[in-house]
Amino acid sequence: MARYCESLCRLCRREGVKLFLKGDRCYTDRCAIDRRGYPPGQHGQERAKLSGYGLQLREKQKLRRIYGILEAQFRRYFKEARRVKGNTGTALLVLLERRLDNVVYRLGFASSRNEARQLVRHGHILVNGKRIDLPSYWVNVGESISVGEPSRQVTRINFSLDAVERRGVPAWLELNRPEFTGVIRTLPAREDLTMPMQEQLVVELYSK
C-alpha cells in the first residue's frame, strides 16, 4: 500500500494546525509549526486566499492526514457514513474514531497513530482477548482493548502510558493502566472530538 514517507511536520505546516503526527514532539518547543507556522515550500510565506473548493479540499486532506488514511479508503468511509441516519459529517468522524489504531492511540498505548498502527500490525494488541492485526478494525461498545502479556514490557508502550495524562483519555473510553486494558464505554459524541475539524466542508466536497 502506498504511504507518505516524507517529513510529517510538513503536513502540519501545510494544514496550518497541529495534527499531532509525531507524538510527544508535538508538545515541545521543537514542534515545526510553532517554529515555522507557514506552509512549506518556496512560496509558503506568500498569502494565498483559498476558494470555497480549496477550503473543502484542505479540510478533507486534514482529516485524511490526522487518521493516516488513503483517498480510496477515505471515500469508502464517507459512503458508509452516508448510510447512517443522522448527520453525515458526525457519522464520518465516529467511524474514523472507531478504528482500532485510533483507539489504541486514544487509550495511550502509543504516542501517535502511526505508532499505534505499527503496534496493531505487529500483533501487540488484543480485542476481547483475541489478537487483531487489522488497524482499520472497527471497535464496538463493550469491547476490551488490551496489550498482550509479552508486549507489556515494550519500552515504547510503557513510555506512552506514562505520558497519557498530558493529553488525557476521552470520556467514551476507560483505561485501566495497571492492567494495560481499555474498554469502549460508548460511541464517541461530537463534543468528545476536540480536534479543529469542520466535517461539513468534507460532506459538501463529496456531495458535488
N, C-alpha and C. Protein backbone atom coordinates (compact mmCIF):
# COMPACT_ATOMS: atom_id res chain seq x y z
N MET A 1 0.84 -1.18 0.00
CA MET A 1 0.00 0.00 0.00
C MET A 1 0.89 1.25 0.00
N ALA A 2 0.48 2.24 -0.77
CA ALA A 2 1.23 3.49 -0.82
C ALA A 2 1.11 4.21 0.51
N ARG A 3 2.21 4.76 0.98
CA ARG A 3 2.21 5.50 2.23
C ARG A 3 3.09 6.74 2.07
N TYR A 4 2.73 7.80 2.77
CA TYR A 4 3.52 9.01 2.79
C TYR A 4 4.77 8.75 3.62
N CYS A 5 5.94 8.96 3.02
CA CYS A 5 7.20 8.63 3.69
C CYS A 5 8.09 9.85 3.90
N GLU A 6 7.57 11.05 3.63
CA GLU A 6 8.36 12.26 3.82
C GLU A 6 8.16 12.81 5.23
N SER A 7 8.61 14.03 5.47
CA SER A 7 8.52 14.64 6.79
C SER A 7 7.06 14.84 7.21
N LEU A 8 6.70 14.35 8.39
CA LEU A 8 5.34 14.52 8.89
C LEU A 8 5.08 15.96 9.30
N CYS A 9 6.12 16.66 9.71
CA CYS A 9 5.94 18.05 10.13
C CYS A 9 5.50 18.94 8.97
N ARG A 10 5.86 18.57 7.75
CA ARG A 10 5.43 19.33 6.58
C ARG A 10 3.91 19.28 6.44
N LEU A 11 3.31 18.16 6.83
CA LEU A 11 1.86 18.02 6.72
C LEU A 11 1.16 18.98 7.67
N CYS A 12 1.67 19.08 8.90
CA CYS A 12 1.08 20.02 9.86
C CYS A 12 1.21 21.45 9.36
N ARG A 13 2.38 21.79 8.84
CA ARG A 13 2.60 23.14 8.34
C ARG A 13 1.70 23.42 7.14
N ARG A 14 1.48 22.42 6.30
CA ARG A 14 0.63 22.62 5.12
C ARG A 14 -0.81 22.90 5.53
N GLU A 15 -1.27 22.24 6.58
CA GLU A 15 -2.66 22.44 7.02
C GLU A 15 -2.79 23.60 7.99
N GLY A 16 -1.67 24.12 8.48
CA GLY A 16 -1.71 25.28 9.37
C GLY A 16 -2.21 24.99 10.77
N VAL A 17 -2.15 23.72 11.18
CA VAL A 17 -2.62 23.35 12.52
C VAL A 17 -1.88 22.09 12.95
N LYS A 18 -1.70 21.92 14.26
CA LYS A 18 -1.04 20.72 14.77
C LYS A 18 -1.94 19.51 14.55
N LEU A 19 -1.39 18.51 13.88
CA LEU A 19 -2.12 17.27 13.66
C LEU A 19 -1.65 16.17 14.62
N PHE A 20 -0.62 16.47 15.42
CA PHE A 20 -0.08 15.54 16.41
C PHE A 20 0.32 14.21 15.78
N LEU A 21 1.10 14.32 14.71
CA LEU A 21 1.55 13.14 13.97
C LEU A 21 2.85 12.56 14.51
N LYS A 22 3.57 13.33 15.34
CA LYS A 22 4.87 12.87 15.84
C LYS A 22 4.88 12.66 17.34
N GLY A 23 3.71 12.45 17.91
CA GLY A 23 3.66 12.11 19.33
C GLY A 23 4.13 13.20 20.25
N ASP A 24 5.03 12.86 21.16
CA ASP A 24 5.47 13.78 22.20
C ASP A 24 6.17 15.02 21.66
N ARG A 25 6.80 14.91 20.52
CA ARG A 25 7.49 16.07 19.96
C ARG A 25 6.52 17.24 19.71
N CYS A 26 5.27 16.92 19.41
CA CYS A 26 4.28 17.96 19.12
C CYS A 26 3.96 18.80 20.35
N TYR A 27 4.30 18.31 21.55
CA TYR A 27 4.02 19.04 22.78
C TYR A 27 5.23 19.86 23.26
N THR A 28 6.31 19.85 22.51
CA THR A 28 7.52 20.56 22.90
C THR A 28 7.76 21.77 22.00
N ASP A 29 8.78 22.55 22.34
CA ASP A 29 9.11 23.72 21.52
C ASP A 29 9.85 23.33 20.25
N ARG A 30 10.05 22.04 20.02
CA ARG A 30 10.65 21.56 18.78
C ARG A 30 9.63 21.37 17.68
N CYS A 31 8.36 21.55 17.99
CA CYS A 31 7.30 21.38 17.01
C CYS A 31 7.50 22.36 15.86
N ALA A 32 7.48 21.85 14.64
CA ALA A 32 7.79 22.66 13.46
C ALA A 32 6.78 23.78 13.24
N ILE A 33 5.52 23.53 13.54
CA ILE A 33 4.51 24.56 13.27
C ILE A 33 4.63 25.72 14.24
N ASP A 34 5.22 25.49 15.42
CA ASP A 34 5.48 26.58 16.36
C ASP A 34 6.68 27.40 15.91
N ARG A 35 7.62 26.74 15.28
CA ARG A 35 8.84 27.43 14.85
C ARG A 35 8.67 28.08 13.48
N ARG A 36 7.91 27.42 12.61
CA ARG A 36 7.68 27.97 11.26
C ARG A 36 6.22 27.76 10.90
N GLY A 37 5.40 28.65 11.39
CA GLY A 37 3.96 28.49 11.23
C GLY A 37 3.41 28.93 9.89
N TYR A 38 4.04 28.52 8.83
CA TYR A 38 3.57 28.84 7.48
C TYR A 38 3.79 27.61 6.61
N PRO A 39 3.06 27.49 5.49
CA PRO A 39 3.19 26.30 4.64
C PRO A 39 4.60 26.11 4.13
N PRO A 40 5.02 24.87 3.88
CA PRO A 40 6.37 24.61 3.38
C PRO A 40 6.48 24.99 1.91
N GLY A 41 7.70 25.06 1.44
CA GLY A 41 7.93 25.35 0.03
C GLY A 41 8.38 26.76 -0.23
N GLN A 42 8.79 27.01 -1.45
CA GLN A 42 9.36 28.31 -1.84
C GLN A 42 8.39 29.47 -1.62
N HIS A 43 7.10 29.22 -1.85
CA HIS A 43 6.12 30.29 -1.75
C HIS A 43 5.24 30.16 -0.50
N GLY A 44 5.75 29.44 0.48
CA GLY A 44 4.95 29.17 1.67
C GLY A 44 4.54 30.41 2.44
N GLN A 45 5.38 31.44 2.45
CA GLN A 45 5.08 32.63 3.24
C GLN A 45 4.21 33.63 2.50
N GLU A 46 3.91 33.37 1.24
CA GLU A 46 3.03 34.25 0.49
C GLU A 46 1.58 33.95 0.86
N ARG A 47 0.82 34.98 1.07
CA ARG A 47 -0.57 34.80 1.45
C ARG A 47 -1.39 34.42 0.22
N ALA A 48 -2.13 33.35 0.33
CA ALA A 48 -2.97 32.90 -0.77
C ALA A 48 -4.40 32.72 -0.26
N LYS A 49 -5.36 33.39 -0.90
CA LYS A 49 -6.75 33.28 -0.50
C LYS A 49 -7.37 32.05 -1.15
N LEU A 50 -7.89 31.16 -0.32
CA LEU A 50 -8.46 29.91 -0.83
C LEU A 50 -9.89 30.13 -1.31
N SER A 51 -10.26 29.44 -2.37
CA SER A 51 -11.64 29.43 -2.85
C SER A 51 -12.47 28.52 -1.95
N GLY A 52 -13.78 28.48 -2.21
CA GLY A 52 -14.64 27.58 -1.45
C GLY A 52 -14.21 26.13 -1.62
N TYR A 53 -13.88 25.76 -2.85
CA TYR A 53 -13.40 24.40 -3.11
C TYR A 53 -12.08 24.15 -2.39
N GLY A 54 -11.21 25.15 -2.39
CA GLY A 54 -9.92 24.99 -1.72
C GLY A 54 -10.07 24.74 -0.23
N LEU A 55 -11.01 25.43 0.41
CA LEU A 55 -11.26 25.22 1.83
C LEU A 55 -11.78 23.80 2.10
N GLN A 56 -12.67 23.35 1.22
CA GLN A 56 -13.21 21.99 1.37
C GLN A 56 -12.12 20.95 1.19
N LEU A 57 -11.27 21.16 0.19
CA LEU A 57 -10.18 20.22 -0.07
C LEU A 57 -9.21 20.15 1.08
N ARG A 58 -8.85 21.31 1.63
CA ARG A 58 -7.91 21.34 2.74
C ARG A 58 -8.48 20.62 3.97
N GLU A 59 -9.78 20.79 4.20
CA GLU A 59 -10.39 20.12 5.36
C GLU A 59 -10.38 18.61 5.17
N LYS A 60 -10.66 18.16 3.94
CA LYS A 60 -10.63 16.73 3.68
C LYS A 60 -9.22 16.18 3.85
N GLN A 61 -8.22 16.89 3.32
CA GLN A 61 -6.83 16.46 3.46
C GLN A 61 -6.40 16.42 4.92
N LYS A 62 -6.88 17.39 5.69
CA LYS A 62 -6.55 17.42 7.11
C LYS A 62 -7.05 16.16 7.81
N LEU A 63 -8.31 15.80 7.54
CA LEU A 63 -8.88 14.60 8.15
C LEU A 63 -8.11 13.34 7.74
N ARG A 64 -7.81 13.24 6.45
CA ARG A 64 -7.06 12.08 5.96
C ARG A 64 -5.72 11.96 6.66
N ARG A 65 -5.06 13.08 6.84
CA ARG A 65 -3.72 13.05 7.42
C ARG A 65 -3.75 12.80 8.92
N ILE A 66 -4.76 13.29 9.59
CA ILE A 66 -4.89 13.01 11.03
C ILE A 66 -4.98 11.52 11.29
N TYR A 67 -5.81 10.83 10.49
CA TYR A 67 -6.05 9.41 10.72
C TYR A 67 -5.18 8.50 9.85
N GLY A 68 -4.34 9.09 8.98
CA GLY A 68 -3.43 8.29 8.18
C GLY A 68 -4.11 7.38 7.18
N ILE A 69 -5.08 7.93 6.45
CA ILE A 69 -5.90 7.13 5.54
C ILE A 69 -5.68 7.59 4.10
N LEU A 70 -5.64 6.64 3.19
CA LEU A 70 -5.51 6.96 1.77
C LEU A 70 -6.86 7.39 1.20
N GLU A 71 -6.82 8.01 0.03
CA GLU A 71 -8.02 8.59 -0.57
C GLU A 71 -9.12 7.56 -0.82
N ALA A 72 -8.78 6.43 -1.42
CA ALA A 72 -9.80 5.42 -1.74
C ALA A 72 -10.48 4.92 -0.48
N GLN A 73 -9.71 4.69 0.57
CA GLN A 73 -10.28 4.21 1.83
C GLN A 73 -11.15 5.29 2.47
N PHE A 74 -10.71 6.54 2.38
CA PHE A 74 -11.48 7.64 2.94
C PHE A 74 -12.84 7.76 2.25
N ARG A 75 -12.87 7.57 0.94
CA ARG A 75 -14.13 7.61 0.20
C ARG A 75 -15.07 6.49 0.66
N ARG A 76 -14.52 5.34 0.95
CA ARG A 76 -15.35 4.24 1.43
C ARG A 76 -15.97 4.58 2.79
N TYR A 77 -15.18 5.22 3.64
CA TYR A 77 -15.71 5.65 4.93
C TYR A 77 -16.85 6.64 4.73
N PHE A 78 -16.70 7.56 3.78
CA PHE A 78 -17.74 8.54 3.54
C PHE A 78 -19.02 7.87 3.03
N LYS A 79 -18.88 6.91 2.12
CA LYS A 79 -20.06 6.20 1.61
C LYS A 79 -20.77 5.47 2.74
N GLU A 80 -19.99 4.88 3.64
CA GLU A 80 -20.59 4.19 4.79
C GLU A 80 -21.30 5.18 5.70
N ALA A 81 -20.70 6.36 5.90
CA ALA A 81 -21.29 7.38 6.77
C ALA A 81 -22.62 7.88 6.20
N ARG A 82 -22.75 7.93 4.87
CA ARG A 82 -24.00 8.40 4.25
C ARG A 82 -25.15 7.43 4.50
N ARG A 83 -24.83 6.18 4.78
CA ARG A 83 -25.88 5.19 5.04
C ARG A 83 -26.42 5.29 6.47
N VAL A 84 -25.67 5.98 7.31
CA VAL A 84 -26.06 6.09 8.73
C VAL A 84 -27.08 7.21 8.88
N LYS A 85 -28.12 6.97 9.68
CA LYS A 85 -29.12 8.01 9.94
C LYS A 85 -28.48 9.13 10.75
N GLY A 86 -28.92 10.36 10.47
CA GLY A 86 -28.40 11.50 11.20
C GLY A 86 -27.39 12.29 10.39
N ASN A 87 -26.57 13.05 11.08
CA ASN A 87 -25.60 13.93 10.44
C ASN A 87 -24.47 13.11 9.81
N THR A 88 -24.27 13.28 8.50
CA THR A 88 -23.25 12.50 7.79
C THR A 88 -21.85 12.84 8.27
N GLY A 89 -21.58 14.12 8.51
CA GLY A 89 -20.25 14.53 8.96
C GLY A 89 -19.88 13.92 10.30
N THR A 90 -20.82 13.95 11.24
CA THR A 90 -20.58 13.35 12.56
C THR A 90 -20.40 11.84 12.44
N ALA A 91 -21.22 11.21 11.60
CA ALA A 91 -21.09 9.76 11.39
C ALA A 91 -19.72 9.41 10.83
N LEU A 92 -19.20 10.25 9.93
CA LEU A 92 -17.87 10.02 9.36
C LEU A 92 -16.80 10.07 10.44
N LEU A 93 -16.89 11.07 11.31
CA LEU A 93 -15.90 11.20 12.39
C LEU A 93 -15.97 10.03 13.36
N VAL A 94 -17.18 9.56 13.65
CA VAL A 94 -17.34 8.43 14.56
C VAL A 94 -16.73 7.16 13.96
N LEU A 95 -16.92 6.95 12.66
CA LEU A 95 -16.32 5.79 12.00
C LEU A 95 -14.80 5.85 12.07
N LEU A 96 -14.25 7.03 11.87
CA LEU A 96 -12.80 7.19 11.92
C LEU A 96 -12.27 6.96 13.34
N GLU A 97 -13.02 7.46 14.33
CA GLU A 97 -12.59 7.29 15.72
C GLU A 97 -12.67 5.84 16.16
N ARG A 98 -13.54 5.06 15.54
CA ARG A 98 -13.71 3.65 15.94
C ARG A 98 -12.63 2.74 15.38
N ARG A 99 -11.75 3.25 14.54
CA ARG A 99 -10.65 2.43 14.04
C ARG A 99 -9.79 1.95 15.21
N LEU A 100 -9.33 0.71 15.13
CA LEU A 100 -8.56 0.13 16.22
C LEU A 100 -7.27 0.90 16.47
N ASP A 101 -6.57 1.32 15.40
CA ASP A 101 -5.32 2.04 15.63
C ASP A 101 -5.58 3.38 16.33
N ASN A 102 -6.71 4.02 16.02
CA ASN A 102 -7.03 5.28 16.70
C ASN A 102 -7.36 5.04 18.17
N VAL A 103 -8.10 3.96 18.48
CA VAL A 103 -8.45 3.65 19.86
C VAL A 103 -7.20 3.33 20.68
N VAL A 104 -6.27 2.60 20.07
CA VAL A 104 -5.01 2.29 20.75
C VAL A 104 -4.26 3.58 21.09
N TYR A 105 -4.29 4.52 20.16
CA TYR A 105 -3.66 5.83 20.40
C TYR A 105 -4.41 6.61 21.48
N ARG A 106 -5.73 6.64 21.39
CA ARG A 106 -6.53 7.39 22.36
C ARG A 106 -6.38 6.86 23.78
N LEU A 107 -6.20 5.55 23.90
CA LEU A 107 -6.03 4.95 25.23
C LEU A 107 -4.65 5.21 25.81
N GLY A 108 -3.70 5.62 24.96
CA GLY A 108 -2.37 5.93 25.45
C GLY A 108 -1.36 4.81 25.30
N PHE A 109 -1.73 3.73 24.60
CA PHE A 109 -0.77 2.65 24.38
C PHE A 109 0.31 3.05 23.37
N ALA A 110 0.06 4.10 22.61
CA ALA A 110 1.02 4.60 21.62
C ALA A 110 1.00 6.12 21.66
N SER A 111 2.11 6.74 21.28
CA SER A 111 2.21 8.20 21.34
C SER A 111 1.71 8.87 20.07
N SER A 112 1.44 8.10 19.02
CA SER A 112 0.90 8.65 17.78
C SER A 112 0.10 7.56 17.08
N ARG A 113 -0.70 7.96 16.12
CA ARG A 113 -1.49 6.96 15.38
C ARG A 113 -0.59 6.08 14.51
N ASN A 114 0.49 6.63 14.00
CA ASN A 114 1.43 5.81 13.22
C ASN A 114 2.03 4.71 14.09
N GLU A 115 2.40 5.09 15.30
CA GLU A 115 2.96 4.10 16.22
C GLU A 115 1.91 3.07 16.61
N ALA A 116 0.66 3.53 16.81
CA ALA A 116 -0.42 2.61 17.15
C ALA A 116 -0.67 1.62 16.02
N ARG A 117 -0.61 2.11 14.78
CA ARG A 117 -0.82 1.22 13.62
C ARG A 117 0.26 0.14 13.59
N GLN A 118 1.47 0.51 13.93
CA GLN A 118 2.56 -0.47 13.94
C GLN A 118 2.36 -1.50 15.04
N LEU A 119 1.90 -1.06 16.21
CA LEU A 119 1.65 -2.00 17.30
C LEU A 119 0.59 -3.02 16.91
N VAL A 120 -0.47 -2.53 16.26
CA VAL A 120 -1.53 -3.43 15.84
C VAL A 120 -1.01 -4.41 14.79
N ARG A 121 -0.31 -3.90 13.80
CA ARG A 121 0.22 -4.74 12.73
C ARG A 121 1.16 -5.82 13.26
N HIS A 122 1.91 -5.52 14.29
CA HIS A 122 2.88 -6.46 14.82
C HIS A 122 2.29 -7.39 15.88
N GLY A 123 0.97 -7.32 16.07
CA GLY A 123 0.31 -8.29 16.94
C GLY A 123 0.41 -8.03 18.42
N HIS A 124 0.67 -6.78 18.82
CA HIS A 124 0.78 -6.47 20.24
C HIS A 124 -0.58 -6.24 20.91
N ILE A 125 -1.63 -6.03 20.11
CA ILE A 125 -2.93 -5.60 20.65
C ILE A 125 -3.96 -6.73 20.57
N LEU A 126 -4.72 -6.88 21.65
CA LEU A 126 -5.80 -7.88 21.72
C LEU A 126 -7.15 -7.17 21.83
N VAL A 127 -8.15 -7.73 21.18
CA VAL A 127 -9.53 -7.25 21.30
C VAL A 127 -10.35 -8.39 21.87
N ASN A 128 -10.87 -8.20 23.08
CA ASN A 128 -11.59 -9.26 23.81
C ASN A 128 -10.73 -10.52 23.92
N GLY A 129 -9.44 -10.32 24.15
CA GLY A 129 -8.52 -11.44 24.34
C GLY A 129 -8.04 -12.09 23.06
N LYS A 130 -8.51 -11.61 21.91
CA LYS A 130 -8.12 -12.18 20.62
C LYS A 130 -7.21 -11.21 19.88
N ARG A 131 -6.13 -11.74 19.35
CA ARG A 131 -5.17 -10.89 18.64
C ARG A 131 -5.77 -10.39 17.32
N ILE A 132 -5.77 -9.07 17.15
CA ILE A 132 -6.26 -8.44 15.93
C ILE A 132 -5.12 -7.61 15.33
N ASP A 133 -4.78 -7.89 14.07
CA ASP A 133 -3.68 -7.16 13.45
C ASP A 133 -4.15 -6.29 12.29
N LEU A 134 -5.43 -5.89 12.32
CA LEU A 134 -6.00 -5.04 11.27
C LEU A 134 -6.27 -3.65 11.85
N PRO A 135 -5.46 -2.65 11.49
CA PRO A 135 -5.63 -1.30 12.06
C PRO A 135 -7.00 -0.69 11.80
N SER A 136 -7.66 -1.08 10.70
CA SER A 136 -8.95 -0.48 10.35
C SER A 136 -10.13 -1.20 11.00
N TYR A 137 -9.86 -2.17 11.86
CA TYR A 137 -10.94 -2.89 12.55
C TYR A 137 -11.78 -1.90 13.35
N TRP A 138 -13.10 -1.98 13.21
CA TRP A 138 -14.00 -1.08 13.94
C TRP A 138 -14.34 -1.68 15.30
N VAL A 139 -14.02 -0.96 16.36
CA VAL A 139 -14.35 -1.43 17.70
C VAL A 139 -15.82 -1.16 17.99
N ASN A 140 -16.39 -1.92 18.90
CA ASN A 140 -17.79 -1.78 19.29
C ASN A 140 -17.91 -1.53 20.78
N VAL A 141 -19.03 -0.99 21.19
CA VAL A 141 -19.27 -0.70 22.60
C VAL A 141 -19.16 -1.99 23.42
N GLY A 142 -18.44 -1.91 24.52
CA GLY A 142 -18.29 -3.05 25.41
C GLY A 142 -17.05 -3.88 25.15
N GLU A 143 -16.40 -3.66 24.01
CA GLU A 143 -15.20 -4.45 23.70
C GLU A 143 -14.01 -3.99 24.55
N SER A 144 -13.17 -4.94 24.85
CA SER A 144 -11.97 -4.68 25.66
C SER A 144 -10.74 -4.68 24.76
N ILE A 145 -9.95 -3.62 24.87
CA ILE A 145 -8.71 -3.49 24.11
C ILE A 145 -7.55 -3.61 25.10
N SER A 146 -6.64 -4.53 24.85
CA SER A 146 -5.54 -4.74 25.80
C SER A 146 -4.23 -5.00 25.07
N VAL A 147 -3.16 -4.86 25.81
CA VAL A 147 -1.82 -5.17 25.31
C VAL A 147 -1.51 -6.61 25.70
N GLY A 148 -1.02 -7.42 24.75
CA GLY A 148 -0.68 -8.80 25.03
C GLY A 148 0.32 -8.92 26.17
N GLU A 149 0.23 -10.00 26.92
CA GLU A 149 1.10 -10.18 28.09
C GLU A 149 2.58 -10.01 27.78
N PRO A 150 3.12 -10.66 26.74
CA PRO A 150 4.56 -10.49 26.47
C PRO A 150 4.93 -9.06 26.05
N SER A 151 3.96 -8.33 25.49
CA SER A 151 4.24 -6.99 24.96
C SER A 151 4.21 -5.92 26.04
N ARG A 152 3.82 -6.26 27.25
CA ARG A 152 3.71 -5.25 28.31
C ARG A 152 5.07 -4.77 28.81
N GLN A 153 6.11 -5.42 28.35
CA GLN A 153 7.47 -4.99 28.71
C GLN A 153 8.08 -4.07 27.65
N VAL A 154 7.35 -3.84 26.56
CA VAL A 154 7.87 -2.98 25.49
C VAL A 154 8.04 -1.56 26.02
N THR A 155 9.22 -1.01 25.83
CA THR A 155 9.54 0.31 26.39
C THR A 155 8.63 1.40 25.87
N ARG A 156 8.36 1.39 24.56
CA ARG A 156 7.56 2.46 23.96
C ARG A 156 6.13 2.46 24.52
N ILE A 157 5.58 1.30 24.76
CA ILE A 157 4.22 1.23 25.29
C ILE A 157 4.18 1.81 26.70
N ASN A 158 5.13 1.45 27.53
CA ASN A 158 5.17 1.97 28.89
C ASN A 158 5.46 3.46 28.92
N PHE A 159 6.33 3.91 28.02
CA PHE A 159 6.63 5.34 27.94
C PHE A 159 5.39 6.12 27.56
N SER A 160 4.62 5.61 26.60
CA SER A 160 3.40 6.29 26.16
C SER A 160 2.36 6.34 27.27
N LEU A 161 2.21 5.23 28.00
CA LEU A 161 1.24 5.20 29.09
C LEU A 161 1.63 6.16 30.21
N ASP A 162 2.91 6.31 30.45
CA ASP A 162 3.37 7.24 31.49
C ASP A 162 3.04 8.69 31.12
N ALA A 163 2.95 8.96 29.81
CA ALA A 163 2.71 10.33 29.34
C ALA A 163 1.25 10.58 28.98
N VAL A 164 0.37 9.61 29.22
CA VAL A 164 -1.02 9.74 28.76
C VAL A 164 -1.77 10.86 29.48
N GLU A 165 -1.34 11.22 30.68
CA GLU A 165 -2.02 12.28 31.41
C GLU A 165 -1.92 13.62 30.69
N ARG A 166 -0.91 13.77 29.85
CA ARG A 166 -0.71 15.05 29.16
C ARG A 166 -1.84 15.33 28.18
N ARG A 167 -2.31 14.32 27.48
CA ARG A 167 -3.39 14.55 26.51
C ARG A 167 -4.73 13.99 26.98
N GLY A 168 -4.71 13.13 28.01
CA GLY A 168 -5.95 12.64 28.58
C GLY A 168 -6.58 11.52 27.76
N VAL A 169 -7.49 10.81 28.40
CA VAL A 169 -8.24 9.73 27.75
C VAL A 169 -9.66 10.22 27.54
N PRO A 170 -10.21 10.10 26.33
CA PRO A 170 -11.57 10.58 26.06
C PRO A 170 -12.60 9.93 26.97
N ALA A 171 -13.72 10.64 27.17
CA ALA A 171 -14.76 10.15 28.08
C ALA A 171 -15.42 8.87 27.60
N TRP A 172 -15.35 8.61 26.29
CA TRP A 172 -16.03 7.40 25.77
C TRP A 172 -15.17 6.15 25.93
N LEU A 173 -13.96 6.33 26.46
CA LEU A 173 -13.06 5.20 26.72
C LEU A 173 -12.74 5.14 28.21
N GLU A 174 -12.37 3.96 28.67
CA GLU A 174 -11.96 3.79 30.06
C GLU A 174 -10.65 3.00 30.09
N LEU A 175 -9.64 3.58 30.70
CA LEU A 175 -8.31 2.97 30.74
C LEU A 175 -8.01 2.40 32.12
N ASN A 176 -7.54 1.16 32.15
CA ASN A 176 -7.04 0.54 33.37
C ASN A 176 -5.54 0.42 33.20
N ARG A 177 -4.82 1.42 33.68
CA ARG A 177 -3.37 1.50 33.46
C ARG A 177 -2.60 0.29 34.01
N PRO A 178 -2.85 -0.15 35.25
CA PRO A 178 -2.08 -1.30 35.77
C PRO A 178 -2.29 -2.59 34.99
N GLU A 179 -3.49 -2.74 34.40
CA GLU A 179 -3.80 -3.97 33.68
C GLU A 179 -3.54 -3.87 32.18
N PHE A 180 -3.09 -2.70 31.71
CA PHE A 180 -2.85 -2.49 30.27
C PHE A 180 -4.11 -2.79 29.46
N THR A 181 -5.24 -2.32 29.97
CA THR A 181 -6.53 -2.64 29.35
C THR A 181 -7.39 -1.39 29.23
N GLY A 182 -8.17 -1.33 28.16
CA GLY A 182 -9.13 -0.26 27.98
C GLY A 182 -10.45 -0.84 27.52
N VAL A 183 -11.54 -0.14 27.83
CA VAL A 183 -12.89 -0.60 27.48
C VAL A 183 -13.60 0.51 26.72
N ILE A 184 -14.37 0.11 25.69
CA ILE A 184 -15.18 1.06 24.94
C ILE A 184 -16.49 1.25 25.70
N ARG A 185 -16.61 2.38 26.40
CA ARG A 185 -17.80 2.62 27.22
C ARG A 185 -19.01 2.97 26.36
N THR A 186 -18.80 3.78 25.33
CA THR A 186 -19.86 4.22 24.45
C THR A 186 -19.24 4.71 23.15
N LEU A 187 -20.03 4.93 22.14
CA LEU A 187 -19.51 5.51 20.91
C LEU A 187 -19.24 6.99 21.15
N PRO A 188 -18.22 7.54 20.50
CA PRO A 188 -17.88 8.95 20.73
C PRO A 188 -18.97 9.89 20.24
N ALA A 189 -19.22 10.95 21.00
CA ALA A 189 -20.13 12.01 20.58
C ALA A 189 -19.31 13.12 19.93
N ARG A 190 -19.97 14.00 19.21
CA ARG A 190 -19.24 15.06 18.51
C ARG A 190 -18.45 15.93 19.48
N GLU A 191 -18.99 16.20 20.66
CA GLU A 191 -18.29 17.05 21.62
C GLU A 191 -17.05 16.38 22.22
N ASP A 192 -16.92 15.06 22.04
CA ASP A 192 -15.73 14.36 22.53
C ASP A 192 -14.53 14.54 21.61
N LEU A 193 -14.77 15.01 20.38
CA LEU A 193 -13.71 15.16 19.39
C LEU A 193 -13.22 16.60 19.39
N THR A 194 -12.04 16.80 19.95
CA THR A 194 -11.56 18.16 20.20
C THR A 194 -10.68 18.71 19.08
N MET A 195 -10.33 17.90 18.10
CA MET A 195 -9.51 18.40 17.01
C MET A 195 -10.30 19.45 16.22
N PRO A 196 -9.61 20.50 15.72
CA PRO A 196 -10.30 21.55 14.96
C PRO A 196 -10.73 21.07 13.58
N MET A 197 -11.87 20.39 13.50
CA MET A 197 -12.33 19.80 12.25
C MET A 197 -13.67 20.40 11.86
N GLN A 198 -13.83 20.70 10.58
CA GLN A 198 -15.11 21.17 10.04
C GLN A 198 -15.60 20.11 9.06
N GLU A 199 -16.19 19.08 9.61
CA GLU A 199 -16.58 17.93 8.80
C GLU A 199 -17.63 18.27 7.74
N GLN A 200 -18.40 19.34 7.97
CA GLN A 200 -19.42 19.71 7.00
C GLN A 200 -18.81 20.09 5.66
N LEU A 201 -17.60 20.66 5.69
CA LEU A 201 -16.91 21.02 4.45
C LEU A 201 -16.55 19.76 3.65
N VAL A 202 -16.22 18.68 4.35
CA VAL A 202 -15.91 17.41 3.67
C VAL A 202 -17.18 16.85 3.03
N VAL A 203 -18.29 16.94 3.74
CA VAL A 203 -19.56 16.47 3.19
C VAL A 203 -19.92 17.26 1.94
N GLU A 204 -19.72 18.56 1.98
CA GLU A 204 -20.01 19.40 0.81
C GLU A 204 -19.11 19.03 -0.36
N LEU A 205 -17.86 18.72 -0.07
CA LEU A 205 -16.92 18.38 -1.14
C LEU A 205 -17.34 17.11 -1.87
N TYR A 206 -17.71 16.08 -1.11
CA TYR A 206 -18.05 14.79 -1.72
C TYR A 206 -19.49 14.75 -2.23
N SER A 207 -20.28 15.77 -1.91
CA SER A 207 -21.67 15.78 -2.35
C SER A 207 -21.86 16.52 -3.68
N LYS A 208 -20.79 17.01 -4.26
CA LYS A 208 -20.90 17.76 -5.51
C LYS A 208 -21.17 16.80 -6.67
